[in-house]
Amino acid sequence: MARISRREFVKKSSVLAAGSTFVISGTKASGNPIGANERVRIGIAGLKGRGGSHIAGFSRVKNVEIVSLIDPDRNVLEQRVAGIKGAKGFTDVRKALEDKNLDALSIATPNHWHSLMTIWAAQAGKHVYVEKPMSHDI
């Protein structure tokens, strides 16, 4: 592969940008336009409190299927899994993220888990919905 100088790159890129739309593809974050409007398969982490609201909300959205429920409390997990047909239960979010059928992760855990789970999900190539508090005090 021939190396080009920075000046040549900028010159060729400018011509490309001026003459057409610039498209970036081939990354984990790139969308797949074929079937982009099909069903989104989501997992919900944290099933008490706010997690129940996530379940109720996503259950009402057309073309969204809840396929994974994640909570370290087995009693809470079993109760929620029983209420959603076809959902798998996980006590460890990392195991859920290994599932190739999972498209997105909704995080409804205590705040101290938000950043780590978001990072793990992004590294696994998943979309993420996470709510963060505006602040911890006034």
Protein backbone atom coordinates (compact mmCIF):
# COMPACT_ATOMS: atom_id res chain seq x y z
CA MET A 1 0.00 0.00 0.00
CA ALA A 2 1.49 3.30 -1.11
CA ARG A 3 1.91 5.96 1.56
CA ILE A 4 0.61 9.42 0.83
CA SER A 5 1.61 12.63 2.51
CA ARG A 6 -0.69 14.51 4.85
CA ARG A 7 -0.95 17.27 2.24
CA GLU A 8 -2.08 14.81 -0.45
CA PHE A 9 -4.59 13.26 1.94
CA VAL A 10 -6.14 16.62 2.85
CA LYS A 11 -6.25 17.62 -0.82
CA LYS A 12 -7.97 14.39 -1.90
CA SER A 13 -10.33 14.44 1.10
CA SER A 14 -11.36 18.01 0.31
CA VAL A 15 -12.23 17.06 -3.25
CA LEU A 16 -14.22 14.07 -2.00
CA ALA A 17 -16.09 16.11 0.63
CA ALA A 18 -16.90 18.88 -1.82
CA GLY A 19 -18.22 16.53 -4.47
CA SER A 20 -20.26 14.04 -2.48
CA THR A 21 -21.54 12.95 0.90
CA PHE A 22 -18.88 11.53 3.20
CA VAL A 23 -19.73 8.09 4.61
CA ILE A 24 -17.93 6.18 7.37
CA SER A 25 -18.62 2.47 7.46
CA GLY A 26 -17.18 -0.79 8.67
CA THR A 27 -17.00 0.04 12.39
CA LYS A 28 -18.87 -1.60 15.24
CA ALA A 29 -20.96 1.56 15.54
CA SER A 30 -21.88 1.63 11.85
CA GLY A 31 -25.53 1.03 11.18
CA ASN A 32 -26.68 -1.71 8.88
CA PRO A 33 -29.19 -0.03 6.57
CA ILE A 34 -30.66 -3.34 5.47
CA GLY A 35 -33.36 -4.19 7.97
CA ALA A 36 -32.67 -1.10 10.07
CA ASN A 37 -36.37 -0.82 10.88
CA GLU A 38 -36.72 -4.35 12.17
CA ARG A 39 -37.22 -5.43 15.78
CA VAL A 40 -34.73 -4.23 18.41
CA ARG A 41 -33.83 -6.91 20.95
CA ILE A 42 -33.08 -5.31 24.30
CA GLY A 43 -31.80 -6.40 27.69
CA ILE A 44 -32.68 -4.62 30.91
CA ALA A 45 -30.17 -4.54 33.77
CA GLY A 46 -31.53 -3.78 37.23
CA LEU A 47 -35.07 -5.00 37.75
CA LYS A 48 -36.28 -3.29 40.92
CA GLY A 49 -37.57 0.27 41.08
CA ARG A 50 -36.64 2.06 37.87
CA GLY A 51 -36.06 -1.28 36.11
CA GLY A 52 -39.77 -2.05 36.40
CA SER A 53 -40.46 1.22 34.61
CA HIS A 54 -38.01 0.28 31.85
CA ILE A 55 -39.75 -3.08 31.43
CA ALA A 56 -43.19 -1.45 31.26
CA GLY A 57 -42.01 1.24 28.86
CA PHE A 58 -40.14 -1.01 26.43
CA SER A 59 -42.98 -3.56 26.51
CA ARG A 60 -45.26 -0.93 24.96
CA VAL A 61 -42.87 0.04 22.16
CA LYS A 62 -43.62 -1.46 18.77
CA ASN A 63 -40.76 -3.54 17.32
CA VAL A 64 -38.93 -3.84 20.66
CA GLU A 65 -38.49 -7.27 22.19
CA ILE A 66 -37.15 -7.75 25.71
CA VAL A 67 -34.84 -10.75 25.38
CA SER A 68 -32.67 -10.47 28.50
CA LEU A 69 -33.27 -9.49 32.10
CA ILE A 70 -30.28 -8.96 34.37
CA ASP A 71 -30.23 -8.69 38.17
CA PRO A 72 -27.93 -10.22 40.80
CA ASP A 73 -30.93 -10.96 43.09
CA ARG A 74 -32.16 -14.35 41.88
CA ASN A 75 -35.59 -13.95 43.51
CA VAL A 76 -36.27 -10.67 41.71
CA LEU A 77 -34.82 -12.09 38.49
CA GLU A 78 -37.00 -15.21 38.51
CA GLN A 79 -40.14 -13.18 39.21
CA ARG A 80 -39.49 -10.75 36.33
CA VAL A 81 -38.42 -13.47 33.84
CA ALA A 82 -41.65 -15.36 34.55
CA GLY A 83 -43.60 -12.28 33.45
CA ILE A 84 -41.91 -11.86 30.06
CA LYS A 85 -42.33 -14.58 27.46
CA GLY A 86 -39.05 -15.70 25.90
CA ALA A 87 -36.76 -13.55 28.07
CA LYS A 88 -33.55 -15.08 29.43
CA GLY A 89 -32.40 -14.30 32.94
CA PHE A 90 -28.81 -13.42 33.90
CA THR A 91 -27.22 -12.59 37.24
CA ASP A 92 -24.11 -11.19 35.48
CA VAL A 93 -24.45 -8.48 32.82
CA ARG A 94 -21.23 -9.66 31.13
CA LYS A 95 -22.85 -13.01 30.30
CA ALA A 96 -25.88 -11.25 28.81
CA LEU A 97 -23.62 -9.08 26.64
CA GLU A 98 -22.10 -12.22 25.08
CA ASP A 99 -25.48 -12.96 23.44
CA LYS A 100 -25.29 -12.14 19.72
CA ASN A 101 -29.09 -11.73 19.63
CA LEU A 102 -28.94 -8.80 22.05
CA ASP A 103 -28.92 -5.44 20.24
CA ALA A 104 -29.14 -2.98 23.14
CA LEU A 105 -28.83 -2.71 26.90
CA SER A 106 -31.07 -0.58 29.10
CA ILE A 107 -29.37 0.20 32.41
CA ALA A 108 -31.60 0.74 35.45
CA THR A 109 -29.11 -0.23 38.13
CA PRO A 110 -27.84 1.84 41.07
CA ASN A 111 -25.79 4.81 39.84
CA HIS A 112 -22.37 3.40 40.70
CA TRP A 113 -22.87 0.65 38.07
CA HIS A 114 -23.93 2.92 35.20
CA SER A 115 -20.52 3.83 33.78
CA LEU A 116 -18.99 0.35 33.93
CA MET A 117 -22.01 -1.36 32.37
CA THR A 118 -22.15 1.31 29.67
CA ILE A 119 -18.49 0.74 28.83
CA TRP A 120 -18.90 -3.06 28.74
CA ALA A 121 -21.96 -2.78 26.49
CA ALA A 122 -20.21 -0.37 24.12
CA GLN A 123 -17.18 -2.67 23.95
CA ALA A 124 -19.54 -5.53 23.07
CA GLY A 125 -20.94 -3.43 20.19
CA LYS A 126 -24.35 -2.93 21.83
CA HIS A 127 -26.48 0.21 21.89
CA VAL A 128 -27.00 1.63 25.38
CA TYR A 129 -29.84 3.45 27.14
CA VAL A 130 -28.70 4.75 30.52
CA GLU A 131 -30.17 7.42 32.76
CA LYS A 132 -27.73 9.48 34.76
CA PRO A 133 -28.64 11.82 37.60
CA MET A 134 -28.04 15.53 36.99
CA SER A 135 -26.25 15.74 40.35
CA HIS A 136 -25.93 14.03 43.69
CA ASP A 137 -26.87 17.14 45.68
CA ILE A 138 -28.34 20.57 45.17
